PDB file of all heavy atoms in Angstrom:
ATOM      1  N   LEU A   1    -101.744  77.774  -5.536  1.00  0.00           N
ATOM      2  CA  LEU A   1    -102.221  78.889  -4.728  1.00  0.00           C
ATOM      3  C   LEU A   1    -102.579  78.443  -3.321  1.00  0.00           C
ATOM      4  O   LEU A   1    -102.408  79.184  -2.358  1.00  0.00           O
ATOM      5  CB  LEU A   1    -103.434  79.543  -5.407  1.00  0.00           C
ATOM      6  CG  LEU A   1    -103.130  80.285  -6.710  1.00  0.00           C
ATOM      7  CD1 LEU A   1    -104.408  80.730  -7.380  1.00  0.00           C
ATOM      8  CD2 LEU A   1    -102.225  81.474  -6.464  1.00  0.00           C
ATOM      9  N   ALA A   2    -103.035  77.211  -3.183  1.00  0.00           N
ATOM     10  CA  ALA A   2    -103.382  76.693  -1.858  1.00  0.00           C
ATOM     11  C   ALA A   2    -102.145  76.385  -1.039  1.00  0.00           C
ATOM     12  O   ALA A   2    -102.192  76.369   0.186  1.00  0.00           O
ATOM     13  CB  ALA A   2    -104.235  75.441  -2.003  1.00  0.00           C
ATOM     14  N   ASN A   3    -101.008  76.138  -1.722  1.00  0.00           N
ATOM     15  CA  ASN A   3     -99.806  75.699  -1.018  1.00  0.00           C
ATOM     16  C   ASN A   3     -98.757  76.795  -0.856  1.00  0.00           C
ATOM     17  O   ASN A   3     -97.645  76.513  -0.475  1.00  0.00           O
ATOM     18  CB  ASN A   3     -99.167  74.519  -1.775  1.00  0.00           C
ATOM     19  CG  ASN A   3     -99.994  73.260  -1.644  1.00  0.00           C
ATOM     20  OD1 ASN A   3    -100.777  73.135  -0.719  1.00  0.00           O
ATOM     21  ND2 ASN A   3     -99.825  72.344  -2.577  1.00  0.00           N
ATOM     22  N   LEU A   4     -99.090  78.001  -1.158  1.00  0.00           N
ATOM     23  CA  LEU A   4     -98.080  79.057  -1.128  1.00  0.00           C
ATOM     24  C   LEU A   4     -97.777  79.544   0.284  1.00  0.00           C
ATOM     25  O   LEU A   4     -97.606  80.724   0.505  1.00  0.00           O
ATOM     26  CB  LEU A   4     -98.526  80.256  -1.969  1.00  0.00           C
ATOM     27  CG  LEU A   4     -98.493  80.016  -3.462  1.00  0.00           C
ATOM     28  CD1 LEU A   4     -98.900  81.263  -4.198  1.00  0.00           C
ATOM     29  CD2 LEU A   4     -97.128  79.581  -3.907  1.00  0.00           C
ATOM     30  N   ALA A   5     -97.705  78.607   1.176  1.00  0.00           N
ATOM     31  CA  ALA A   5     -97.523  78.892   2.607  1.00  0.00           C
ATOM     32  C   ALA A   5     -98.662  79.794   2.964  1.00  0.00           C
ATOM     33  O   ALA A   5     -98.528  80.868   3.537  1.00  0.00           O
ATOM     34  CB  ALA A   5     -96.182  79.524   2.901  1.00  0.00           C
ATOM     35  N   ALA A   6     -99.732  79.453   2.565  1.00  0.00           N
ATOM     36  CA  ALA A   6    -100.802  79.820   1.672  1.00  0.00           C
ATOM     37  C   ALA A   6    -100.696  81.260   1.274  1.00  0.00           C
ATOM     38  O   ALA A   6    -100.159  81.556   0.229  1.00  0.00           O
ATOM     39  CB  ALA A   6    -102.145  79.508   2.278  1.00  0.00           C
ATOM     40  N   ARG A   7    -101.239  82.148   2.073  1.00  0.00           N
ATOM     41  CA  ARG A   7    -101.283  83.551   1.655  1.00  0.00           C
ATOM     42  C   ARG A   7     -99.935  84.233   1.784  1.00  0.00           C
ATOM     43  O   ARG A   7     -99.699  85.262   1.172  1.00  0.00           O
ATOM     44  CB  ARG A   7    -102.325  84.302   2.483  1.00  0.00           C
ATOM     45  CG  ARG A   7    -103.756  83.973   2.061  1.00  0.00           C
ATOM     46  CD  ARG A   7    -104.768  84.665   2.936  1.00  0.00           C
ATOM     47  NE  ARG A   7    -104.911  84.004   4.220  1.00  0.00           N
ATOM     48  CZ  ARG A   7    -105.745  82.978   4.429  1.00  0.00           C
ATOM     49  NH1 ARG A   7    -106.469  82.500   3.449  1.00  0.00           N
ATOM     50  NH2 ARG A   7    -105.832  82.440   5.633  1.00  0.00           N
ATOM     51  N   GLU A   8     -99.031  83.674   2.559  1.00  0.00           N
ATOM     52  CA  GLU A   8     -97.752  84.346   2.826  1.00  0.00           C
ATOM     53  C   GLU A   8     -96.951  84.586   1.561  1.00  0.00           C
ATOM     54  O   GLU A   8     -96.454  85.681   1.310  1.00  0.00           O
ATOM     55  CB  GLU A   8     -96.944  83.520   3.822  1.00  0.00           C
ATOM     56  CG  GLU A   8     -95.629  84.152   4.213  1.00  0.00           C
ATOM     57  CD  GLU A   8     -94.879  83.330   5.244  1.00  0.00           C
ATOM     58  OE1 GLU A   8     -95.524  82.533   5.950  1.00  0.00           O
ATOM     59  OE2 GLU A   8     -93.651  83.479   5.315  1.00  0.00           O
ATOM     60  N   ASN A   9     -96.829  83.546   0.735  1.00  0.00           N
ATOM     61  CA  ASN A   9     -96.034  83.689  -0.482  1.00  0.00           C
ATOM     62  C   ASN A   9     -96.730  84.569  -1.518  1.00  0.00           C
ATOM     63  O   ASN A   9     -96.086  85.332  -2.226  1.00  0.00           O
ATOM     64  CB  ASN A   9     -95.725  82.320  -1.075  1.00  0.00           C
ATOM     65  CG  ASN A   9     -94.528  82.364  -1.996  1.00  0.00           C
ATOM     66  OD1 ASN A   9     -93.416  82.585  -1.564  1.00  0.00           O
ATOM     67  ND2 ASN A   9     -94.776  82.160  -3.286  1.00  0.00           N
ATOM     68  N   ARG A  10     -98.054  84.467  -1.571  1.00  0.00           N
ATOM     69  CA  ARG A  10     -98.801  85.344  -2.474  1.00  0.00           C
ATOM     70  C   ARG A  10     -98.621  86.797  -2.054  1.00  0.00           C
ATOM     71  O   ARG A  10     -98.460  87.689  -2.893  1.00  0.00           O
ATOM     72  CB  ARG A  10    -100.281  84.967  -2.460  1.00  0.00           C
ATOM     73  CG  ARG A  10    -100.577  83.602  -3.076  1.00  0.00           C
ATOM     74  CD  ARG A  10    -101.993  83.169  -2.822  1.00  0.00           C
ATOM     75  NE  ARG A  10    -102.964  84.042  -3.453  1.00  0.00           N
ATOM     76  CZ  ARG A  10    -104.281  83.940  -3.258  1.00  0.00           C
ATOM     77  NH1 ARG A  10    -104.759  83.018  -2.440  1.00  0.00           N
ATOM     78  NH2 ARG A  10    -105.111  84.743  -3.871  1.00  0.00           N
ATOM     79  N   ALA A  11     -98.622  87.027  -0.751  1.00  0.00           N
ATOM     80  CA  ALA A  11     -98.430  88.394  -0.261  1.00  0.00           C
ATOM     81  C   ALA A  11     -97.033  88.898  -0.600  1.00  0.00           C
ATOM     82  O   ALA A  11     -96.851  90.064  -0.967  1.00  0.00           O
ATOM     83  CB  ALA A  11     -98.668  88.448   1.240  1.00  0.00           C
ATOM     84  N   ALA A  12     -96.022  88.018  -0.502  1.00  0.00           N
ATOM     85  CA  ALA A  12     -94.652  88.411  -0.836  1.00  0.00           C
ATOM     86  C   ALA A  12     -94.541  88.772  -2.315  1.00  0.00           C
ATOM     87  O   ALA A  12     -93.869  89.739  -2.685  1.00  0.00           O
ATOM     88  CB  ALA A  12     -93.679  87.298  -0.477  1.00  0.00           C
ATOM     89  N   SER A  13     -95.201  87.990  -3.173  1.00  0.00           N
ATOM     90  CA  SER A  13     -95.195  88.291  -4.606  1.00  0.00           C
ATOM     91  C   SER A  13     -95.889  89.625  -4.872  1.00  0.00           C
ATOM     92  O   SER A  13     -95.433  90.430  -5.697  1.00  0.00           O
ATOM     93  CB  SER A  13     -95.899  87.172  -5.382  1.00  0.00           C
ATOM     94  OG  SER A  13     -95.216  85.941  -5.251  1.00  0.00           O
ATOM     95  N   SER A  14     -96.986  89.876  -4.169  1.00  0.00           N
ATOM     96  CA  SER A  14     -97.697  91.145  -4.337  1.00  0.00           C
ATOM     97  C   SER A  14     -96.853  92.317  -3.875  1.00  0.00           C
ATOM     98  O   SER A  14     -96.870  93.393  -4.492  1.00  0.00           O
ATOM     99  CB  SER A  14     -99.018  91.122  -3.561  1.00  0.00           C
ATOM    100  OG  SER A  14     -99.905  90.167  -4.119  1.00  0.00           O
ATOM    101  N   ARG A  15     -96.076  92.116  -2.806  1.00  0.00           N
ATOM    102  CA  ARG A  15     -95.239  93.215  -2.308  1.00  0.00           C
ATOM    103  C   ARG A  15     -94.143  93.576  -3.288  1.00  0.00           C
ATOM    104  O   ARG A  15     -93.862  94.756  -3.507  1.00  0.00           O
ATOM    105  CB  ARG A  15     -94.634  92.839  -0.946  1.00  0.00           C
ATOM    106  CG  ARG A  15     -95.622  92.912   0.206  1.00  0.00           C
ATOM    107  CD  ARG A  15     -94.916  92.914   1.555  1.00  0.00           C
ATOM    108  NE  ARG A  15     -94.135  91.718   1.780  1.00  0.00           N
ATOM    109  CZ  ARG A  15     -94.599  90.587   2.303  1.00  0.00           C
ATOM    110  NH1 ARG A  15     -95.892  90.501   2.645  1.00  0.00           N
ATOM    111  NH2 ARG A  15     -93.819  89.557   2.500  1.00  0.00           N
ATOM    112  N   ILE A  16     -93.494  92.565  -3.897  1.00  0.00           N
ATOM    113  CA  ILE A  16     -92.455  92.900  -4.866  1.00  0.00           C
ATOM    114  C   ILE A  16     -93.079  93.532  -6.107  1.00  0.00           C
ATOM    115  O   ILE A  16     -92.523  94.470  -6.685  1.00  0.00           O
ATOM    116  CB  ILE A  16     -91.566  91.686  -5.224  1.00  0.00           C
ATOM    117  CG1 ILE A  16     -90.416  92.099  -6.153  1.00  0.00           C
ATOM    118  CG2 ILE A  16     -92.353  90.555  -5.834  1.00  0.00           C
ATOM    119  CD1 ILE A  16     -89.440  93.074  -5.570  1.00  0.00           C
ATOM    120  N   ALA A  17     -94.267  93.076  -6.510  1.00  0.00           N
ATOM    121  CA  ALA A  17     -94.947  93.690  -7.655  1.00  0.00           C
ATOM    122  C   ALA A  17     -95.251  95.156  -7.369  1.00  0.00           C
ATOM    123  O   ALA A  17     -95.022  96.030  -8.220  1.00  0.00           O
ATOM    124  CB  ALA A  17     -96.240  92.933  -7.966  1.00  0.00           C
ATOM    125  N   HIS A  18     -95.748  95.428  -6.173  1.00  0.00           N
ATOM    126  CA  HIS A  18     -96.075  96.810  -5.805  1.00  0.00           C
ATOM    127  C   HIS A  18     -94.821  97.672  -5.766  1.00  0.00           C
ATOM    128  O   HIS A  18     -94.811  98.817  -6.237  1.00  0.00           O
ATOM    129  CB  HIS A  18     -96.765  96.824  -4.438  1.00  0.00           C
ATOM    130  CG  HIS A  18     -97.181  98.186  -3.995  1.00  0.00           C
ATOM    131  ND1 HIS A  18     -98.211  98.890  -4.603  1.00  0.00           N
ATOM    132  CD2 HIS A  18     -96.708  99.001  -3.010  1.00  0.00           C
ATOM    133  CE1 HIS A  18     -98.348 100.068  -4.021  1.00  0.00           C
ATOM    134  NE2 HIS A  18     -97.453 100.161  -3.049  1.00  0.00           N
ATOM    135  N   ARG A  19     -93.741  97.124  -5.229  1.00  0.00           N
ATOM    136  CA  ARG A  19     -92.485  97.876  -5.147  1.00  0.00           C
ATOM    137  C   ARG A  19     -91.935  98.157  -6.547  1.00  0.00           C
ATOM    138  O   ARG A  19     -91.450  99.259  -6.832  1.00  0.00           O
ATOM    139  CB  ARG A  19     -91.485  97.061  -4.330  1.00  0.00           C
ATOM    140  CG  ARG A  19     -90.164  97.704  -4.049  1.00  0.00           C
ATOM    141  CD  ARG A  19     -90.322  98.872  -3.100  1.00  0.00           C
ATOM    142  NE  ARG A  19     -90.272 100.153  -3.800  1.00  0.00           N
ATOM    143  CZ  ARG A  19     -90.363 101.320  -3.199  1.00  0.00           C
ATOM    144  NH1 ARG A  19     -90.538 101.388  -1.902  1.00  0.00           N
ATOM    145  NH2 ARG A  19     -90.298 102.434  -3.897  1.00  0.00           N
ATOM    146  N   LEU A  20     -92.011  97.166  -7.427  1.00  0.00           N
ATOM    147  CA  LEU A  20     -91.544  97.349  -8.805  1.00  0.00           C
ATOM    148  C   LEU A  20     -92.331  98.447  -9.508  1.00  0.00           C
ATOM    149  O   LEU A  20     -91.750  99.337 -10.149  1.00  0.00           O
ATOM    150  CB  LEU A  20     -91.673  96.037  -9.577  1.00  0.00           C
ATOM    151  CG  LEU A  20     -90.634  94.955  -9.271  1.00  0.00           C
ATOM    152  CD1 LEU A  20     -91.120  93.601  -9.735  1.00  0.00           C
ATOM    153  CD2 LEU A  20     -89.294  95.293  -9.920  1.00  0.00           C
ATOM    154  N   VAL A  21     -93.641  98.400  -9.382  1.00  0.00           N
ATOM    155  CA  VAL A  21     -94.476  99.411 -10.030  1.00  0.00           C
ATOM    156  C   VAL A  21     -94.165 100.793  -9.481  1.00  0.00           C
ATOM    157  O   VAL A  21     -94.068 101.776 -10.236  1.00  0.00           O
ATOM    158  CB  VAL A  21     -95.967  99.061  -9.857  1.00  0.00           C
ATOM    159  CG1 VAL A  21     -96.847 100.266 -10.195  1.00  0.00           C
ATOM    160  CG2 VAL A  21     -96.340  97.878 -10.742  1.00  0.00           C
ATOM    161  N   SER A  22     -93.984 100.906  -8.175  1.00  0.00           N
ATOM    162  CA  SER A  22     -93.673 102.199  -7.575  1.00  0.00           C
ATOM    163  C   SER A  22     -92.387 102.778  -8.141  1.00  0.00           C
ATOM    164  O   SER A  22     -92.305 103.977  -8.435  1.00  0.00           O
ATOM    165  CB  SER A  22     -93.556 102.060  -6.052  1.00  0.00           C
ATOM    166  OG  SER A  22     -94.788 101.709  -5.493  1.00  0.00           O
ATOM    167  N   ASP A  23     -91.371 101.920  -8.321  1.00  0.00           N
ATOM    168  CA  ASP A  23     -90.112 102.401  -8.880  1.00  0.00           C
ATOM    169  C   ASP A  23     -90.230 102.702 -10.363  1.00  0.00           C
ATOM    170  O   ASP A  23     -89.665 103.678 -10.850  1.00  0.00           O
ATOM    171  CB  ASP A  23     -89.008 101.393  -8.603  1.00  0.00           C
ATOM    172  CG  ASP A  23     -88.394 101.589  -7.228  1.00  0.00           C
ATOM    173  OD1 ASP A  23     -87.473 102.400  -7.104  1.00  0.00           O
ATOM    174  OD2 ASP A  23     -88.863 100.948  -6.277  1.00  0.00           O
ATOM    175  N   PHE A  24     -90.971 101.866 -11.097  1.00  0.00           N
ATOM    176  CA  PHE A  24     -91.174 102.126 -12.520  1.00  0.00           C
ATOM    177  C   PHE A  24     -91.845 103.474 -12.741  1.00  0.00           C
ATOM    178  O   PHE A  24     -91.492 104.212 -13.669  1.00  0.00           O
ATOM    179  CB  PHE A  24     -92.043 101.034 -13.146  1.00  0.00           C
ATOM    180  CG  PHE A  24     -91.349  99.738 -13.404  1.00  0.00           C
ATOM    181  CD1 PHE A  24     -92.085  98.583 -13.656  1.00  0.00           C
ATOM    182  CD2 PHE A  24     -89.967  99.638 -13.410  1.00  0.00           C
ATOM    183  CE1 PHE A  24     -91.458  97.378 -13.908  1.00  0.00           C
ATOM    184  CE2 PHE A  24     -89.329  98.434 -13.652  1.00  0.00           C
ATOM    185  CZ  PHE A  24     -90.081  97.298 -13.904  1.00  0.00           C
ATOM    186  N   GLU A  25     -92.831 103.800 -11.907  1.00  0.00           N
ATOM    187  CA  GLU A  25     -93.604 105.023 -12.122  1.00  0.00           C
ATOM    188  C   GLU A  25     -92.739 106.273 -12.021  1.00  0.00           C
ATOM    189  O   GLU A  25     -93.088 107.298 -12.601  1.00  0.00           O
ATOM    190  CB  GLU A  25     -94.756 105.081 -11.113  1.00  0.00           C
ATOM    191  CG  GLU A  25     -95.861 104.094 -11.443  1.00  0.00           C
ATOM    192  CD  GLU A  25     -96.971 104.065 -10.412  1.00  0.00           C
ATOM    193  OE1 GLU A  25     -96.713 104.380  -9.231  1.00  0.00           O
ATOM    194  OE2 GLU A  25     -98.106 103.709 -10.800  1.00  0.00           O
ATOM    195  N   GLY A  26     -91.609 106.184 -11.337  1.00  0.00           N
ATOM    196  CA  GLY A  26     -90.723 107.328 -11.268  1.00  0.00           C
ATOM    197  C   GLY A  26     -89.779 107.448 -12.447  1.00  0.00           C
ATOM    198  O   GLY A  26     -89.198 108.513 -12.681  1.00  0.00           O
ATOM    199  N   ASP A  27     -89.615 106.344 -13.214  1.00  0.00           N
ATOM    200  CA  ASP A  27     -88.604 106.308 -14.275  1.00  0.00           C
ATOM    201  C   ASP A  27     -89.149 106.039 -15.670  1.00  0.00           C
ATOM    202  O   ASP A  27     -88.523 106.432 -16.656  1.00  0.00           O
ATOM    203  CB  ASP A  27     -87.578 105.202 -13.981  1.00  0.00           C
ATOM    204  CG  ASP A  27     -86.688 105.517 -12.791  1.00  0.00           C
ATOM    205  OD1 ASP A  27     -86.538 106.707 -12.467  1.00  0.00           O
ATOM    206  OD2 ASP A  27     -86.150 104.571 -12.196  1.00  0.00           O
ATOM    207  N   LEU A  28     -90.281 105.337 -15.762  1.00  0.00           N
ATOM    208  CA  LEU A  28     -90.712 104.770 -17.039  1.00  0.00           C
ATOM    209  C   LEU A  28     -92.196 105.010 -17.286  1.00  0.00           C
ATOM    210  O   LEU A  28     -92.966 105.186 -16.335  1.00  0.00           O
ATOM    211  CB  LEU A  28     -90.486 103.248 -17.035  1.00  0.00           C
ATOM    212  CG  LEU A  28     -89.095 102.731 -16.704  1.00  0.00           C
ATOM    213  CD1 LEU A  28     -89.168 101.253 -16.362  1.00  0.00           C
ATOM    214  CD2 LEU A  28     -88.168 102.967 -17.881  1.00  0.00           C
ATOM    215  N   PRO A  29     -92.620 104.965 -18.562  1.00  0.00           N
ATOM    216  CA  PRO A  29     -94.051 104.904 -18.829  1.00  0.00           C
ATOM    217  C   PRO A  29     -94.596 103.579 -18.282  1.00  0.00           C
ATOM    218  O   PRO A  29     -93.935 102.546 -18.368  1.00  0.00           O
ATOM    219  CB  PRO A  29     -94.139 104.923 -20.361  1.00  0.00           C
ATOM    220  CG  PRO A  29     -92.803 105.380 -20.837  1.00  0.00           C
ATOM    221  CD  PRO A  29     -91.817 104.959 -19.800  1.00  0.00           C
ATOM    222  N   VAL A  30     -95.779 103.604 -17.693  1.00  0.00           N
ATOM    223  CA  VAL A  30     -96.412 102.384 -17.200  1.00  0.00           C
ATOM    224  C   VAL A  30     -97.837 102.305 -17.724  1.00  0.00           C
ATOM    225  O   VAL A  30     -98.451 103.326 -18.070  1.00  0.00           O
ATOM    226  CB  VAL A  30     -96.411 102.308 -15.656  1.00  0.00           C
ATOM    227  CG1 VAL A  30     -94.997 102.277 -15.108  1.00  0.00           C
ATOM    228  CG2 VAL A  30     -97.205 103.452 -15.048  1.00  0.00           C
ATOM    229  N   LEU A  31     -98.377 101.096 -17.774  1.00  0.00           N
ATOM    230  CA  LEU A  31     -99.767 100.917 -18.174  1.00  0.00           C
ATOM    231  C   LEU A  31    -100.701 101.487 -17.116  1.00  0.00           C
ATOM    232  O   LEU A  31    -100.344 101.586 -15.945  1.00  0.00           O
ATOM    233  CB  LEU A  31    -100.085  99.417 -18.315  1.00  0.00           C
ATOM    234  CG  LEU A  31     -99.489  98.644 -19.470  1.00  0.00           C
ATOM    235  CD1 LEU A  31    -100.019  97.209 -19.440  1.00  0.00           C
ATOM    236  CD2 LEU A  31     -99.817  99.292 -20.805  1.00  0.00           C
ATOM    237  N   PRO A  32    -101.936 101.838 -17.506  1.00  0.00           N
ATOM    238  CA  PRO A  32    -102.952 102.101 -16.486  1.00  0.00           C
ATOM    239  C   PRO A  32    -103.148 100.826 -15.657  1.00  0.00           C
ATOM    240  O   PRO A  32    -103.107  99.716 -16.198  1.00  0.00           O
ATOM    241  CB  PRO A  32    -104.210 102.417 -17.308  1.00  0.00           C
ATOM    242  CG  PRO A  32    -103.696 102.799 -18.658  1.00  0.00           C
ATOM    243  CD  PRO A  32    -102.444 102.013 -18.870  1.00  0.00           C
ATOM    244  N   SER A  33    -103.336 100.957 -14.363  1.00  0.00           N
ATOM    245  CA  SER A  33    -103.465  99.795 -13.470  1.00  0.00           C
ATOM    246  C   SER A  33    -102.344  98.797 -13.753  1.00  0.00           C
ATOM    247  O   SER A  33    -102.588  97.669 -14.191  1.00  0.00           O
ATOM    248  CB  SER A  33    -104.823  99.113 -13.643  1.00  0.00           C
ATOM    249  OG  SER A  33    -105.881 100.014 -13.440  1.00  0.00           O
ATOM    250  N   PRO A  34    -101.096  99.178 -13.508  1.00  0.00           N
ATOM    251  CA  PRO A  34     -99.962  98.353 -13.940  1.00  0.00           C
ATOM    252  C   PRO A  34     -99.712  97.098 -13.111  1.00  0.00           C
ATOM    253  O   PRO A  34     -98.919  96.261 -13.521  1.00  0.00           O
ATOM    254  CB  PRO A  34     -98.770  99.314 -13.821  1.00  0.00           C
ATOM    255  CG  PRO A  34     -99.185 100.292 -12.779  1.00  0.00           C
ATOM    256  CD  PRO A  34    -100.658 100.465 -12.934  1.00  0.00           C
ATOM    257  N   GLU A  35    -100.372  96.934 -11.968  1.00  0.00           N
ATOM    258  CA  GLU A  35    -100.276  95.682 -11.205  1.00  0.00           C
ATOM    259  C   GLU A  35    -101.445  94.789 -11.615  1.00  0.00           C
ATOM    260  O   GLU A  35    -102.603  95.099 -11.338  1.00  0.00           O
ATOM    261  CB  GLU A  35    -100.336  95.946  -9.704  1.00  0.00           C
ATOM    262  CG  GLU A  35     -99.096  96.594  -9.136  1.00  0.00           C
ATOM    263  CD  GLU A  35     -99.186  96.758  -7.628  1.00  0.00           C
ATOM    264  OE1 GLU A  35     -99.387  95.738  -6.931  1.00  0.00           O
ATOM    265  OE2 GLU A  35     -99.071  97.900  -7.153  1.00  0.00           O
ATOM    266  N   ARG A  36    -101.128  93.682 -12.268  1.00  0.00           N
ATOM    267  CA  ARG A  36    -102.166  92.806 -12.805  1.00  0.00           C
ATOM    268  C   ARG A  36    -101.849  91.361 -12.428  1.00  0.00           C
ATOM    269  O   ARG A  36    -100.791  91.068 -11.883  1.00  0.00           O
ATOM    270  CB  ARG A  36    -102.272  92.977 -14.330  1.00  0.00           C
ATOM    271  CG  ARG A  36    -102.542  94.429 -14.728  1.00  0.00           C
ATOM    272  CD  ARG A  36    -102.773  94.605 -16.200  1.00  0.00           C
ATOM    273  NE  ARG A  36    -103.019  96.013 -16.539  1.00  0.00           N
ATOM    274  CZ  ARG A  36    -103.561  96.428 -17.678  1.00  0.00           C
ATOM    275  NH1 ARG A  36    -103.917  95.539 -18.605  1.00  0.00           N
ATOM    276  NH2 ARG A  36    -103.756  97.716 -17.905  1.00  0.00           N
ATOM    277  N   HIS A  37    -102.766  90.445 -12.734  1.00  0.00           N
ATOM    278  CA  HIS A  37    -102.531  89.049 -12.388  1.00  0.00           C
ATOM    279  C   HIS A  37    -103.266  88.127 -13.350  1.00  0.00           C
ATOM    280  O   HIS A  37    -104.277  88.493 -13.945  1.00  0.00           O
ATOM    281  CB  HIS A  37    -102.958  88.758 -10.937  1.00  0.00           C
ATOM    282  CG  HIS A  37    -104.367  89.173 -10.629  1.00  0.00           C
ATOM    283  ND1 HIS A  37    -104.666  90.363 -10.016  1.00  0.00           N
ATOM    284  CD2 HIS A  37    -105.556  88.559 -10.854  1.00  0.00           C
ATOM    285  CE1 HIS A  37    -105.984  90.467  -9.865  1.00  0.00           C
ATOM    286  NE2 HIS A  37    -106.544  89.380 -10.372  1.00  0.00           N
ATOM    287  N   ALA A  38    -102.707  86.914 -13.492  1.00  0.00           N
ATOM    288  CA  ALA A  38    -103.303  85.873 -14.330  1.00  0.00           C
ATOM    289  C   ALA A  38    -102.563  84.571 -14.067  1.00  0.00           C
ATOM    290  O   ALA A  38    -101.589  84.525 -13.314  1.00  0.00           O
ATOM    291  CB  ALA A  38    -103.224  86.259 -15.811  1.00  0.00           C
ATOM    292  N   ASN A  39    -103.018  83.510 -14.720  1.00  0.00           N
ATOM    293  CA  ASN A  39    -102.418  82.189 -14.542  1.00  0.00           C
ATOM    294  C   ASN A  39    -101.276  81.997 -15.542  1.00  0.00           C
ATOM    295  O   ASN A  39    -101.418  81.335 -16.563  1.00  0.00           O
ATOM    296  CB  ASN A  39    -103.473  81.098 -14.711  1.00  0.00           C
ATOM    297  CG  ASN A  39    -102.906  79.704 -14.492  1.00  0.00           C
ATOM    298  OD1 ASN A  39    -101.759  79.542 -14.067  1.00  0.00           O
ATOM    299  ND2 ASN A  39    -103.700  78.694 -14.781  1.00  0.00           N
ATOM    300  N   PHE A  40    -100.117  82.580 -15.237  1.00  0.00           N
ATOM    301  CA  PHE A  40     -98.926  82.410 -16.067  1.00  0.00           C
ATOM    302  C   PHE A  40     -98.186  81.148 -15.619  1.00  0.00           C
ATOM    303  O   PHE A  40     -97.792  81.026 -14.452  1.00  0.00           O
ATOM    304  CB  PHE A  40     -97.987  83.610 -15.925  1.00  0.00           C
ATOM    305  CG  PHE A  40     -98.494  84.880 -16.552  1.00  0.00           C
ATOM    306  CD1 PHE A  40     -99.192  85.811 -15.800  1.00  0.00           C
ATOM    307  CD2 PHE A  40     -98.270  85.149 -17.893  1.00  0.00           C
ATOM    308  CE1 PHE A  40     -99.653  86.990 -16.364  1.00  0.00           C
ATOM    309  CE2 PHE A  40     -98.728  86.317 -18.474  1.00  0.00           C
ATOM    310  CZ  PHE A  40     -99.422  87.243 -17.706  1.00  0.00           C
ATOM    311  N   THR A  41     -97.963  80.224 -16.551  1.00  0.00           N
ATOM    312  CA  THR A  41     -97.278  78.979 -16.220  1.00  0.00           C
ATOM    313  C   THR A  41     -95.912  79.229 -15.607  1.00  0.00           C
ATOM    314  O   THR A  41     -95.488  78.521 -14.687  1.00  0.00           O
ATOM    315  CB  THR A  41     -97.120  78.110 -17.488  1.00  0.00           C
ATOM    316  OG1 THR A  41     -98.418  77.822 -18.015  1.00  0.00           O
ATOM    317  CG2 THR A  41     -96.410  76.804 -17.186  1.00  0.00           C
ATOM    318  N   VAL A  42     -95.208  80.227 -16.092  1.00  0.00           N
ATOM    319  CA  VAL A  42     -93.837  80.479 -15.634  1.00  0.00           C
ATOM    320  C   VAL A  42     -93.804  80.978 -14.185  1.00  0.00           C
ATOM    321  O   VAL A  42     -92.735  81.004 -13.563  1.00  0.00           O
ATOM    322  CB  VAL A  42     -93.131  81.481 -16.577  1.00  0.00           C
ATOM    323  CG1 VAL A  42     -93.591  82.908 -16.303  1.00  0.00           C
ATOM    324  CG2 VAL A  42     -91.620  81.352 -16.490  1.00  0.00           C
ATOM    325  N   LEU A  43     -94.954  81.321 -13.623  1.00  0.00           N
ATOM    326  CA  LEU A  43     -95.009  81.758 -12.232  1.00  0.00           C
ATOM    327  C   LEU A  43     -95.425  80.631 -11.283  1.00  0.00           C
ATOM    328  O   LEU A  43     -95.767  80.884 -10.132  1.00  0.00           O
ATOM    329  CB  LEU A  43     -95.979  82.940 -12.084  1.00  0.00           C
ATOM    330  CG  LEU A  43     -95.625  84.198 -12.869  1.00  0.00           C
ATOM    331  CD1 LEU A  43     -96.639  85.309 -12.580  1.00  0.00           C
ATOM    332  CD2 LEU A  43     -94.210  84.681 -12.546  1.00  0.00           C
ATOM    333  N   HIS A  44     -95.362  79.388 -11.759  1.00  0.00           N
ATOM    334  CA  HIS A  44     -95.811  78.253 -10.958  1.00  0.00           C
ATOM    335  C   HIS A  44     -94.758  77.728  -9.991  1.00  0.00           C
ATOM    336  O   HIS A  44     -94.834  76.587  -9.556  1.00  0.00           O
ATOM    337  CB  HIS A  44     -96.258  77.110 -11.866  1.00  0.00           C
ATOM    338  CG  HIS A  44     -97.609  77.334 -12.480  1.00  0.00           C
ATOM    339  ND1 HIS A  44     -98.328  76.326 -13.089  1.00  0.00           N
ATOM    340  CD2 HIS A  44     -98.377  78.452 -12.595  1.00  0.00           C
ATOM    341  CE1 HIS A  44     -99.467  76.814 -13.546  1.00  0.00           C
ATOM    342  NE2 HIS A  44     -99.518  78.104 -13.259  1.00  0.00           N
ATOM    343  N   ALA A  45     -93.774  78.528  -9.648  1.00  0.00           N
ATOM    344  CA  ALA A  45     -92.736  78.086  -8.703  1.00  0.00           C
ATOM    345  C   ALA A  45     -93.257  78.267  -7.282  1.00  0.00           C
ATOM    346  O   ALA A  45     -93.046  79.297  -6.657  1.00  0.00           O
ATOM    347  CB  ALA A  45     -91.442  78.871  -8.908  1.00  0.00           C
ATOM    348  N   ALA A  46     -93.967  77.267  -6.788  1.00  0.00           N
ATOM    349  CA  ALA A  46     -94.571  77.348  -5.462  1.00  0.00           C
ATOM    350  C   ALA A  46     -93.502  77.622  -4.413  1.00  0.00           C
ATOM    351  O   ALA A  46     -92.397  77.104  -4.477  1.00  0.00           O
ATOM    352  CB  ALA A  46     -95.301  76.055  -5.147  1.00  0.00           C
TER     353      ALA A  46
END
């Protein structure tokens, strides 16, 4: 998280997450508060 060009890459990940949720909401059932976060190992591609 400190090396993600610091906030730049985190912001890019957040933007694609937001865009995905926006598109899902028009087509699919979604969870309440569908944009979430946690320490997933598979997302460790700095």
